[in-house]
Amino acid sequence: MNANSHIYKIVFANQGKIYEIYARQVSHGELFGFVEVEELIFGERSSVVVDPSEERIKTEFAGVKRTYIPMHSILRIDQVEKQGVSKISSVEGGNVTQFPMPMYAPGSGDKSKT
């Protein structure tokens, strides 16, 4: 498998929902604290069976060339062999949301040692 054929599954939380998207490129990006996702992949529109959850996420990301996802929202990034179905689903387990974790600049380290 060459570098151009890699497919990544990105799972992240956004406004109380879990998003699962597929893309060809994922990197740390140029914006501190964000993961850069490019070349989003969605199922073929020519299929006879239409999945409403995938249509919803296609509409949300229509026209998006590159998206930046906050690092603390990322739940998981996997390199996969083939694309699955992109979807938006509800968070299970009640109405408790994880508080965003603080981001530290490189080299900030532990100041208590000084």
Protein backbone atom coordinates (compact mmCIF):
# COMPACT_ATOMS: atom_id res chain seq x y z
CA MET A 1 0.00 0.00 0.00
CA ASN A 2 1.62 3.29 -1.04
CA ALA A 3 1.33 6.57 0.88
CA ASN A 4 -1.34 7.97 -1.46
CA SER A 5 -3.72 5.09 -0.80
CA HIS A 6 -3.83 5.38 3.01
CA ILE A 7 -7.29 5.82 4.50
CA TYR A 8 -7.82 7.15 8.01
CA LYS A 9 -10.90 6.86 10.19
CA ILE A 10 -11.22 9.87 12.50
CA VAL A 11 -13.64 9.72 15.44
CA PHE A 12 -14.25 12.95 17.33
CA ALA A 13 -16.80 14.65 19.59
CA ASN A 14 -18.60 17.81 18.49
CA GLN A 15 -21.53 19.51 20.25
CA GLY A 16 -22.71 16.40 22.07
CA LYS A 17 -22.43 14.11 19.02
CA ILE A 18 -19.82 11.59 17.89
CA TYR A 19 -18.59 12.08 14.33
CA GLU A 20 -16.90 9.32 12.34
CA ILE A 21 -15.29 10.47 9.10
CA TYR A 22 -12.80 9.04 6.61
CA ALA A 23 -9.95 10.93 4.96
CA ARG A 24 -6.80 10.39 2.94
CA GLN A 25 -4.59 12.84 4.86
CA VAL A 26 -4.28 13.57 8.58
CA SER A 27 -1.54 15.70 10.16
CA HIS A 28 -0.78 17.91 13.16
CA GLY A 29 -1.32 20.93 10.92
CA GLU A 30 -0.08 24.47 11.26
CA LEU A 31 -2.61 25.60 13.88
CA PHE A 32 -1.46 24.74 17.40
CA GLY A 33 -3.86 22.37 19.17
CA PHE A 34 -5.67 21.24 16.00
CA VAL A 35 -5.51 18.14 13.82
CA GLU A 36 -5.67 18.90 10.10
CA VAL A 37 -7.85 16.55 8.03
CA GLU A 38 -7.83 16.71 4.22
CA GLU A 39 -9.41 14.83 1.32
CA LEU A 40 -12.55 13.64 3.09
CA ILE A 41 -14.01 10.44 1.63
CA PHE A 42 -17.71 9.66 1.42
CA GLY A 43 -19.64 6.78 -0.18
CA GLU A 44 -20.67 6.91 -3.81
CA ARG A 45 -23.84 8.90 -4.50
CA SER A 46 -24.75 6.51 -7.29
CA SER A 47 -25.73 3.70 -4.91
CA VAL A 48 -29.40 2.71 -4.81
CA VAL A 49 -29.57 2.45 -1.01
CA VAL A 50 -29.19 5.84 0.71
CA ASP A 51 -28.03 5.95 4.33
CA PRO A 52 -29.63 9.02 6.01
CA SER A 53 -26.82 9.33 8.59
CA GLU A 54 -24.17 9.43 5.87
CA GLU A 55 -26.20 11.92 3.82
CA ARG A 56 -26.37 14.21 6.87
CA ILE A 57 -22.59 14.23 7.33
CA LYS A 58 -22.02 14.66 3.55
CA THR A 59 -24.22 17.75 3.66
CA GLU A 60 -22.39 19.16 6.69
CA PHE A 61 -18.98 18.75 5.04
CA ALA A 62 -20.07 19.65 1.48
CA GLY A 63 -17.48 21.88 -0.15
CA VAL A 64 -14.94 21.41 2.66
CA LYS A 65 -11.41 20.94 1.31
CA ARG A 66 -9.68 20.83 4.70
CA THR A 67 -11.01 20.82 8.26
CA TYR A 68 -9.25 21.51 11.56
CA ILE A 69 -10.47 19.51 14.55
CA PRO A 70 -9.50 20.55 18.09
CA MET A 71 -7.01 18.03 19.46
CA HIS A 72 -8.97 17.56 22.71
CA SER A 73 -12.07 16.55 20.67
CA ILE A 74 -10.31 13.65 18.91
CA LEU A 75 -11.29 10.29 20.37
CA ARG A 76 -9.40 8.09 17.93
CA ILE A 77 -7.57 8.03 14.60
CA ASP A 78 -7.08 4.68 12.85
CA GLN A 79 -5.38 3.82 9.58
CA VAL A 80 -7.78 1.39 7.91
CA GLU A 81 -7.62 -0.79 4.81
CA LYS A 82 -10.93 0.33 3.38
CA GLN A 83 -13.49 3.04 3.89
CA GLY A 84 -16.54 2.50 6.06
CA VAL A 85 -19.69 4.58 6.41
CA SER A 86 -19.26 8.12 7.73
CA LYS A 87 -21.84 8.98 10.37
CA ILE A 88 -22.95 11.19 13.22
CA SER A 89 -24.26 9.44 16.32
CA SER A 90 -25.44 10.43 19.78
CA VAL A 91 -23.19 10.09 22.80
CA GLU A 92 -24.37 7.26 24.99
CA GLY A 93 -24.11 7.34 28.76
CA GLY A 94 -26.09 10.35 29.90
CA ASN A 95 -25.61 14.07 29.85
CA VAL A 96 -22.08 14.27 31.27
CA THR A 97 -19.49 15.77 28.91
CA GLN A 98 -15.74 15.62 29.40
CA PHE A 99 -14.27 19.02 30.20
CA PRO A 100 -11.67 20.05 27.59
CA MET A 101 -8.13 19.30 28.71
CA PRO A 102 -5.64 22.20 28.74
CA MET A 103 -3.07 22.41 25.96
CA TYR A 104 0.53 23.22 26.79
CA ALA A 105 3.05 24.85 24.50
CA PRO A 106 6.12 22.76 23.67
CA GLY A 107 8.84 23.36 26.24
CA SER A 108 6.48 24.76 28.90
CA GLY A 109 7.17 21.72 31.13
CA ASP A 110 6.54 21.55 34.85
CA LYS A 111 7.24 24.98 36.43
CA SER A 112 7.18 23.58 40.00
CA LYS A 113 10.79 22.29 39.62
CA THR A 114 12.28 25.80 39.50
